[in-house]
Structures are given as C-alpha cells and as structure tokens.
N, C-alpha and C. Protein backbone atom coordinates (compact mmCIF):
# COMPACT_ATOMS: atom_id res chain seq x y z
N MET A 1 122.14 -71.99 81.82
CA MET A 1 120.73 -71.97 82.16
C MET A 1 120.49 -70.93 83.27
N GLU A 2 119.40 -70.18 83.12
CA GLU A 2 119.07 -69.15 84.09
C GLU A 2 118.62 -69.76 85.41
N GLN A 3 119.01 -69.16 86.51
CA GLN A 3 118.60 -69.60 87.84
C GLN A 3 117.13 -69.22 88.08
N LEU A 4 116.45 -70.03 88.90
CA LEU A 4 115.06 -69.76 89.24
C LEU A 4 114.90 -68.34 89.78
N HIS A 5 115.80 -67.95 90.67
CA HIS A 5 115.75 -66.61 91.27
C HIS A 5 115.76 -65.53 90.20
N GLU A 6 116.62 -65.65 89.22
CA GLU A 6 116.74 -64.63 88.17
C GLU A 6 115.47 -64.55 87.33
N VAL A 7 114.90 -65.68 87.00
CA VAL A 7 113.68 -65.73 86.21
C VAL A 7 112.53 -65.07 86.98
N LEU A 8 112.38 -65.44 88.25
CA LEU A 8 111.29 -64.90 89.05
C LEU A 8 111.47 -63.42 89.37
N LYS A 9 112.71 -62.99 89.55
CA LYS A 9 112.98 -61.57 89.80
C LYS A 9 112.52 -60.73 88.61
N LYS A 10 112.77 -61.21 87.41
CA LYS A 10 112.33 -60.50 86.20
C LYS A 10 110.82 -60.41 86.12
N LYS A 11 110.13 -61.36 86.74
CA LYS A 11 108.67 -61.39 86.72
C LYS A 11 108.06 -60.65 87.91
N GLY A 12 108.91 -59.99 88.71
CA GLY A 12 108.41 -59.16 89.80
C GLY A 12 108.25 -59.86 91.14
N TYR A 13 108.84 -61.04 91.29
CA TYR A 13 108.75 -61.77 92.56
C TYR A 13 109.80 -61.30 93.54
N LYS A 14 109.43 -61.35 94.82
CA LYS A 14 110.36 -61.06 95.92
C LYS A 14 110.80 -62.38 96.53
N LYS A 15 112.07 -62.48 96.86
CA LYS A 15 112.65 -63.70 97.41
C LYS A 15 112.69 -63.59 98.93
N ILE A 16 112.10 -64.57 99.62
CA ILE A 16 111.99 -64.55 101.07
C ILE A 16 112.56 -65.85 101.63
N ARG A 17 113.53 -65.74 102.48
CA ARG A 17 114.19 -66.92 103.07
C ARG A 17 113.33 -67.53 104.17
N PHE A 18 113.28 -68.84 104.23
CA PHE A 18 112.67 -69.51 105.38
C PHE A 18 113.64 -70.56 105.90
N LYS A 19 113.39 -71.00 107.11
CA LYS A 19 114.22 -72.03 107.74
C LYS A 19 113.37 -73.27 107.97
N LEU A 20 114.04 -74.37 108.12
CA LEU A 20 113.39 -75.62 108.46
C LEU A 20 113.61 -75.89 109.94
N SER A 21 112.52 -76.14 110.67
CA SER A 21 112.63 -76.38 112.11
C SER A 21 112.99 -77.84 112.39
N LYS A 22 113.24 -78.12 113.66
CA LYS A 22 113.52 -79.50 114.08
C LYS A 22 112.34 -80.41 113.77
N THR A 23 111.15 -79.83 113.70
CA THR A 23 109.92 -80.59 113.45
C THR A 23 109.57 -80.64 111.96
N GLN A 24 110.47 -80.14 111.12
CA GLN A 24 110.29 -80.09 109.66
C GLN A 24 109.24 -79.07 109.23
N HIS A 25 108.89 -78.13 110.11
CA HIS A 25 108.02 -77.02 109.72
C HIS A 25 108.85 -75.96 109.02
N LEU A 26 108.21 -75.23 108.12
CA LEU A 26 108.87 -74.11 107.45
C LEU A 26 108.65 -72.88 108.33
N LEU A 27 109.73 -72.28 108.80
CA LEU A 27 109.67 -71.11 109.68
C LEU A 27 110.04 -69.86 108.91
N ILE A 28 109.26 -68.81 109.11
CA ILE A 28 109.48 -67.57 108.38
C ILE A 28 109.26 -66.38 109.31
N LYS A 29 110.02 -65.33 109.09
CA LYS A 29 109.84 -64.08 109.83
C LYS A 29 108.85 -63.22 109.07
N ALA A 30 107.96 -62.59 109.82
CA ALA A 30 106.98 -61.69 109.20
C ALA A 30 106.74 -60.53 110.13
N LYS A 31 106.37 -59.40 109.55
CA LYS A 31 106.00 -58.23 110.34
C LYS A 31 104.52 -57.97 110.14
N ILE A 32 103.81 -57.84 111.25
CA ILE A 32 102.43 -57.39 111.22
C ILE A 32 102.40 -56.03 111.89
N ASN A 33 101.91 -55.04 111.17
CA ASN A 33 101.85 -53.66 111.67
C ASN A 33 103.22 -53.20 112.17
N GLY A 34 104.28 -53.61 111.46
CA GLY A 34 105.63 -53.18 111.76
C GLY A 34 106.33 -53.96 112.86
N VAL A 35 105.67 -54.95 113.45
CA VAL A 35 106.25 -55.73 114.55
C VAL A 35 106.61 -57.12 114.03
N GLU A 36 107.88 -57.50 114.21
CA GLU A 36 108.35 -58.78 113.68
C GLU A 36 108.02 -59.94 114.61
N GLY A 37 107.61 -61.05 113.99
CA GLY A 37 107.31 -62.25 114.73
C GLY A 37 107.75 -63.49 113.97
N ASN A 38 107.63 -64.63 114.63
CA ASN A 38 108.00 -65.92 114.04
C ASN A 38 106.74 -66.68 113.65
N PHE A 39 106.75 -67.22 112.45
CA PHE A 39 105.57 -67.87 111.91
C PHE A 39 105.92 -69.19 111.24
N ILE A 40 104.94 -70.07 111.20
CA ILE A 40 105.04 -71.29 110.40
C ILE A 40 104.42 -70.97 109.05
N LEU A 41 105.11 -71.32 107.99
CA LEU A 41 104.59 -71.20 106.64
C LEU A 41 103.84 -72.49 106.36
N ASP A 42 102.53 -72.42 106.24
CA ASP A 42 101.70 -73.62 106.19
C ASP A 42 100.78 -73.60 104.97
N THR A 43 101.14 -74.38 103.96
CA THR A 43 100.35 -74.44 102.73
C THR A 43 98.98 -75.09 102.98
N GLY A 44 98.83 -75.81 104.06
CA GLY A 44 97.56 -76.47 104.37
C GLY A 44 96.62 -75.62 105.21
N ALA A 45 97.09 -74.49 105.69
CA ALA A 45 96.23 -73.59 106.48
C ALA A 45 95.50 -72.65 105.51
N SER A 46 94.19 -72.60 105.62
CA SER A 46 93.44 -71.76 104.68
C SER A 46 93.66 -70.27 104.92
N ASN A 47 93.85 -69.89 106.18
CA ASN A 47 94.03 -68.48 106.52
C ASN A 47 95.24 -68.28 107.42
N SER A 48 95.79 -67.09 107.35
CA SER A 48 96.88 -66.72 108.25
C SER A 48 96.28 -66.39 109.61
N CYS A 49 97.01 -66.69 110.65
CA CYS A 49 96.48 -66.49 111.99
C CYS A 49 97.58 -66.20 113.00
N VAL A 50 97.15 -65.66 114.13
CA VAL A 50 98.04 -65.44 115.28
C VAL A 50 97.29 -65.91 116.52
N GLY A 51 98.04 -66.11 117.59
CA GLY A 51 97.45 -66.53 118.85
C GLY A 51 96.85 -65.35 119.61
N PHE A 52 95.90 -65.66 120.50
CA PHE A 52 95.30 -64.62 121.34
C PHE A 52 96.35 -63.84 122.10
N ASP A 53 97.42 -64.51 122.50
CA ASP A 53 98.46 -63.85 123.28
C ASP A 53 99.30 -62.87 122.47
N SER A 54 99.08 -62.81 121.15
CA SER A 54 99.85 -61.90 120.29
C SER A 54 99.05 -60.68 119.83
N VAL A 55 97.82 -60.54 120.29
CA VAL A 55 96.97 -59.42 119.86
C VAL A 55 97.62 -58.09 120.18
N ASP A 56 98.00 -57.89 121.42
CA ASP A 56 98.64 -56.62 121.82
C ASP A 56 100.02 -56.48 121.19
N PHE A 57 100.75 -57.57 121.12
CA PHE A 57 102.11 -57.57 120.55
C PHE A 57 102.12 -56.98 119.14
N PHE A 58 101.13 -57.37 118.31
CA PHE A 58 101.07 -56.91 116.91
C PHE A 58 100.13 -55.72 116.73
N ASN A 59 99.66 -55.12 117.82
CA ASN A 59 98.77 -53.95 117.75
C ASN A 59 97.52 -54.23 116.93
N LEU A 60 96.89 -55.37 117.19
CA LEU A 60 95.69 -55.77 116.46
C LEU A 60 94.44 -55.28 117.18
N VAL A 61 93.42 -54.98 116.40
CA VAL A 61 92.11 -54.64 116.95
C VAL A 61 91.22 -55.85 116.68
N ALA A 62 91.02 -56.65 117.72
CA ALA A 62 90.29 -57.92 117.59
C ALA A 62 88.79 -57.70 117.64
N GLN A 63 88.09 -58.40 116.75
CA GLN A 63 86.63 -58.39 116.72
C GLN A 63 86.17 -59.84 116.75
N ASP A 64 85.04 -60.07 117.40
CA ASP A 64 84.49 -61.43 117.44
C ASP A 64 84.18 -61.90 116.03
N SER A 65 84.32 -63.18 115.82
CA SER A 65 84.06 -63.80 114.53
C SER A 65 83.12 -64.98 114.72
N PRO A 66 82.14 -65.14 113.83
CA PRO A 66 81.23 -66.28 113.95
C PRO A 66 81.88 -67.60 113.50
N THR A 67 83.03 -67.51 112.85
CA THR A 67 83.71 -68.68 112.32
C THR A 67 84.41 -69.45 113.43
N LYS A 68 84.34 -70.75 113.35
CA LYS A 68 85.07 -71.63 114.26
C LYS A 68 86.28 -72.17 113.51
N ALA A 69 87.40 -72.28 114.21
CA ALA A 69 88.63 -72.76 113.59
C ALA A 69 88.78 -74.25 113.81
N ALA A 70 89.46 -74.89 112.86
CA ALA A 70 89.80 -76.30 112.99
C ALA A 70 91.21 -76.48 112.46
N GLY A 71 91.93 -77.37 113.09
CA GLY A 71 93.30 -77.65 112.66
C GLY A 71 93.71 -79.00 113.16
N ALA A 72 94.96 -79.31 112.96
CA ALA A 72 95.47 -80.60 113.40
C ALA A 72 95.25 -80.76 114.90
N GLY A 73 94.41 -81.71 115.28
CA GLY A 73 94.20 -82.00 116.68
C GLY A 73 93.17 -81.15 117.39
N ALA A 74 92.53 -80.22 116.70
CA ALA A 74 91.55 -79.36 117.37
C ALA A 74 90.46 -78.95 116.38
N VAL A 75 89.21 -78.90 116.86
CA VAL A 75 88.09 -78.43 116.03
C VAL A 75 87.19 -77.54 116.86
N GLY A 76 86.39 -76.71 116.18
CA GLY A 76 85.41 -75.88 116.86
C GLY A 76 85.98 -74.84 117.79
N MET A 77 87.17 -74.34 117.47
CA MET A 77 87.81 -73.36 118.35
C MET A 77 87.26 -71.95 118.11
N TYR A 78 87.03 -71.23 119.19
CA TYR A 78 86.59 -69.84 119.14
C TYR A 78 87.63 -68.99 118.43
N THR A 79 87.18 -68.08 117.57
CA THR A 79 88.11 -67.21 116.85
C THR A 79 87.67 -65.76 116.95
N GLN A 80 88.64 -64.91 116.70
CA GLN A 80 88.40 -63.49 116.49
C GLN A 80 89.08 -63.13 115.17
N MET A 81 88.87 -61.90 114.74
CA MET A 81 89.44 -61.45 113.49
C MET A 81 89.94 -60.02 113.66
N ALA A 82 91.01 -59.69 112.96
CA ALA A 82 91.50 -58.31 112.94
C ALA A 82 91.71 -57.93 111.48
N THR A 83 91.14 -56.81 111.08
CA THR A 83 91.23 -56.37 109.68
C THR A 83 92.08 -55.10 109.58
N ASP A 84 92.34 -54.72 108.34
CA ASP A 84 93.08 -53.48 108.04
C ASP A 84 94.47 -53.43 108.67
N ASN A 85 95.21 -54.50 108.53
CA ASN A 85 96.58 -54.58 109.03
C ASN A 85 97.55 -54.62 107.85
N THR A 86 98.81 -54.39 108.13
CA THR A 86 99.84 -54.56 107.10
C THR A 86 100.63 -55.82 107.44
N LEU A 87 101.02 -56.52 106.41
CA LEU A 87 101.85 -57.71 106.56
C LEU A 87 103.06 -57.55 105.66
N GLN A 88 104.23 -57.81 106.21
CA GLN A 88 105.45 -57.72 105.43
C GLN A 88 106.29 -58.97 105.65
N LEU A 89 106.69 -59.57 104.55
CA LEU A 89 107.61 -60.71 104.57
C LEU A 89 108.81 -60.27 103.74
N SER A 90 109.91 -59.98 104.40
CA SER A 90 111.10 -59.44 103.76
C SER A 90 110.71 -58.15 103.03
N ARG A 91 110.87 -58.10 101.70
CA ARG A 91 110.55 -56.88 100.95
C ARG A 91 109.15 -56.92 100.33
N TRP A 92 108.42 -58.02 100.53
CA TRP A 92 107.05 -58.14 100.03
C TRP A 92 106.09 -57.62 101.09
N LYS A 93 105.13 -56.79 100.67
CA LYS A 93 104.24 -56.16 101.64
C LYS A 93 102.82 -56.10 101.09
N THR A 94 101.85 -56.28 101.97
CA THR A 94 100.45 -56.12 101.59
C THR A 94 99.71 -55.35 102.67
N LYS A 95 98.75 -54.57 102.24
CA LYS A 95 97.91 -53.81 103.17
C LYS A 95 96.53 -54.46 103.20
N ASN A 96 95.69 -53.98 104.09
CA ASN A 96 94.34 -54.55 104.26
C ASN A 96 94.40 -56.04 104.57
N PHE A 97 95.41 -56.43 105.32
CA PHE A 97 95.62 -57.82 105.71
C PHE A 97 94.65 -58.18 106.83
N GLN A 98 93.90 -59.26 106.62
CA GLN A 98 92.96 -59.76 107.62
C GLN A 98 93.58 -60.99 108.27
N VAL A 99 93.64 -61.01 109.58
CA VAL A 99 94.25 -62.14 110.28
C VAL A 99 93.25 -62.74 111.27
N ILE A 100 93.23 -64.06 111.31
CA ILE A 100 92.38 -64.79 112.25
C ILE A 100 93.15 -64.93 113.56
N ILE A 101 92.44 -64.79 114.67
CA ILE A 101 93.05 -64.89 115.99
C ILE A 101 92.39 -66.07 116.71
N PHE A 102 93.20 -66.98 117.20
CA PHE A 102 92.66 -68.12 117.94
C PHE A 102 93.71 -68.66 118.91
N ASP A 103 93.31 -69.64 119.71
CA ASP A 103 94.20 -70.22 120.71
C ASP A 103 95.22 -71.12 120.03
N MET A 104 96.46 -70.67 120.02
CA MET A 104 97.54 -71.43 119.39
C MET A 104 98.37 -72.20 120.41
N SER A 105 97.88 -72.30 121.64
CA SER A 105 98.67 -72.96 122.67
C SER A 105 98.97 -74.42 122.32
N HIS A 106 98.02 -75.10 121.67
CA HIS A 106 98.26 -76.50 121.30
C HIS A 106 99.39 -76.62 120.27
N VAL A 107 99.50 -75.64 119.38
CA VAL A 107 100.58 -75.64 118.38
C VAL A 107 101.92 -75.47 119.09
N ASN A 108 102.00 -74.49 119.97
CA ASN A 108 103.27 -74.22 120.66
C ASN A 108 103.64 -75.31 121.67
N GLN A 109 102.64 -75.94 122.27
CA GLN A 109 102.94 -77.07 123.16
C GLN A 109 103.56 -78.22 122.38
N ALA A 110 103.03 -78.47 121.19
CA ALA A 110 103.58 -79.54 120.34
C ALA A 110 105.02 -79.20 119.94
N LEU A 111 105.27 -77.95 119.61
CA LEU A 111 106.63 -77.53 119.24
C LEU A 111 107.58 -77.69 120.42
N GLN A 112 107.13 -77.31 121.61
CA GLN A 112 107.98 -77.41 122.81
C GLN A 112 108.35 -78.85 123.13
N GLN A 113 107.47 -79.78 122.83
CA GLN A 113 107.77 -81.19 123.09
C GLN A 113 108.99 -81.65 122.29
N TYR A 114 109.23 -80.98 121.17
CA TYR A 114 110.39 -81.30 120.33
C TYR A 114 111.52 -80.29 120.54
N LYS A 115 111.41 -79.51 121.61
CA LYS A 115 112.39 -78.47 121.94
C LYS A 115 112.57 -77.46 120.80
N ALA A 116 111.49 -77.22 120.08
CA ALA A 116 111.48 -76.21 119.02
C ALA A 116 110.92 -74.91 119.60
N LYS A 117 111.31 -73.79 119.03
CA LYS A 117 110.86 -72.49 119.51
C LYS A 117 109.38 -72.28 119.19
N PRO A 118 108.66 -71.57 120.09
CA PRO A 118 107.26 -71.26 119.83
C PRO A 118 107.13 -70.24 118.69
N VAL A 119 105.95 -70.16 118.11
CA VAL A 119 105.68 -69.22 117.03
C VAL A 119 104.54 -68.30 117.43
N HIS A 120 104.48 -67.15 116.77
CA HIS A 120 103.40 -66.20 117.01
C HIS A 120 102.16 -66.56 116.20
N GLY A 121 102.39 -67.23 115.06
CA GLY A 121 101.25 -67.51 114.19
C GLY A 121 101.62 -68.36 113.00
N ILE A 122 100.72 -68.34 112.03
CA ILE A 122 100.84 -69.15 110.82
C ILE A 122 100.57 -68.26 109.62
N ILE A 123 101.40 -68.38 108.60
CA ILE A 123 101.15 -67.74 107.32
C ILE A 123 100.51 -68.81 106.44
N GLY A 124 99.28 -68.56 106.01
CA GLY A 124 98.51 -69.58 105.30
C GLY A 124 98.28 -69.29 103.83
N ALA A 125 97.38 -70.09 103.25
CA ALA A 125 97.10 -70.05 101.82
C ALA A 125 96.54 -68.71 101.36
N ASP A 126 95.90 -67.95 102.25
CA ASP A 126 95.39 -66.64 101.84
C ASP A 126 96.52 -65.77 101.30
N ILE A 127 97.64 -65.77 101.97
CA ILE A 127 98.79 -64.96 101.55
C ILE A 127 99.52 -65.63 100.38
N LEU A 128 99.63 -66.94 100.42
CA LEU A 128 100.29 -67.66 99.33
C LEU A 128 99.55 -67.46 98.01
N LEU A 129 98.24 -67.47 98.05
CA LEU A 129 97.46 -67.22 96.84
C LEU A 129 97.56 -65.76 96.40
N LYS A 130 97.44 -64.86 97.36
CA LYS A 130 97.52 -63.42 97.03
C LYS A 130 98.86 -63.07 96.38
N GLY A 131 99.93 -63.67 96.88
CA GLY A 131 101.26 -63.38 96.37
C GLY A 131 101.71 -64.30 95.25
N LYS A 132 100.80 -65.14 94.74
CA LYS A 132 101.13 -66.08 93.66
C LYS A 132 102.39 -66.85 94.00
N ALA A 133 102.39 -67.45 95.18
CA ALA A 133 103.57 -68.05 95.78
C ALA A 133 104.19 -69.19 94.97
N ILE A 134 105.49 -69.20 95.03
CA ILE A 134 106.29 -70.31 94.53
C ILE A 134 107.26 -70.65 95.66
N ILE A 135 107.28 -71.92 96.05
CA ILE A 135 108.14 -72.35 97.14
C ILE A 135 109.26 -73.22 96.60
N ASP A 136 110.49 -72.79 96.87
CA ASP A 136 111.68 -73.57 96.51
C ASP A 136 112.12 -74.28 97.78
N TYR A 137 111.63 -75.50 97.97
CA TYR A 137 111.91 -76.24 99.19
C TYR A 137 113.40 -76.57 99.32
N TYR A 138 114.04 -76.88 98.22
CA TYR A 138 115.43 -77.30 98.27
C TYR A 138 116.35 -76.18 98.77
N HIS A 139 116.13 -74.96 98.25
CA HIS A 139 116.98 -73.83 98.63
C HIS A 139 116.41 -73.00 99.77
N HIS A 140 115.22 -73.35 100.26
CA HIS A 140 114.57 -72.68 101.39
C HIS A 140 114.19 -71.23 101.09
N TYR A 141 113.54 -71.04 99.95
CA TYR A 141 113.04 -69.71 99.57
C TYR A 141 111.57 -69.76 99.21
N LEU A 142 110.86 -68.73 99.65
CA LEU A 142 109.49 -68.47 99.24
C LEU A 142 109.57 -67.28 98.31
N TYR A 143 108.87 -67.34 97.21
CA TYR A 143 108.80 -66.23 96.27
C TYR A 143 107.36 -65.73 96.22
N LEU A 144 107.18 -64.42 96.40
CA LEU A 144 105.86 -63.79 96.32
C LEU A 144 105.91 -62.62 95.35
N LYS A 145 104.82 -62.47 94.60
CA LYS A 145 104.74 -61.40 93.61
C LYS A 145 103.84 -60.29 94.12
C-alpha cells in the first residue's frame, strides 16, 4: 500500500514537519519576509497573525484595521494588518500574504505558565485553506499544495 506522503507528493503537496508542545499545541516554523519564527498551527484561528512585538522582526508595514480580534480568553482586541508579505513553511511558499497583528501577550503568558516557549504568531485557517491543507497528526506532518 502506498504511503500518504507518496500519494500527496504526486498530487503536488509539500510536506512540512510540526512538533507537539508541552501544552499539546502544534508548533511550526515559518518564515515571513525571509525571517524565521515560531508559530502555533491553529485550525480554529480564522486568520494568521503575529504579535505587535514582532512587527519590526518580520519587516512588516503595519496599517490600522477596523477589525477587532477575539480568541480564547480575549475579545474586542485592537488589531493592525500588514499586506504584501511572503510566507514560507518549509518548501511551500505564498506571496501577497496578509497577516493580522494584535497583542499576543496573553497567548505567550499562558504558554510560559506551562514552561513552554513563546511564539511569534499563529498560522490559521486562511493559510490552511489556501494550501488545501491535510494534517497528519499521528506522524506530525502538515501537507500544503
């Protein structure tokens, strides 16, 4: 029987490794504008985002956004947006990447309580949908087309 990886490779998917954190979050490395950072892979997040403290780190041009963010434990948070960026996860790459910028301190504080490493941001459903994502939880691989 053919392995999942072989089948998906034939269909043009890229295989991207992720790790499981102490908190059971899926952790993935990603590059925004050529700069590598640590991210949570979150199927429940509608958009990919980074913290305000990562704007300069990823060379983002932040613009005010009328949208308010909501997430686990927080609602009505002020956001900014940065457009026309590149995002790369392993060998998968997309241009014209739009990222939401908001206060992620509550996320990182929660991670620190469990002695887990802080993250720069979250990779959300916008990218998972764009890349026609398939997640192999057992083997810890994300596949994007």
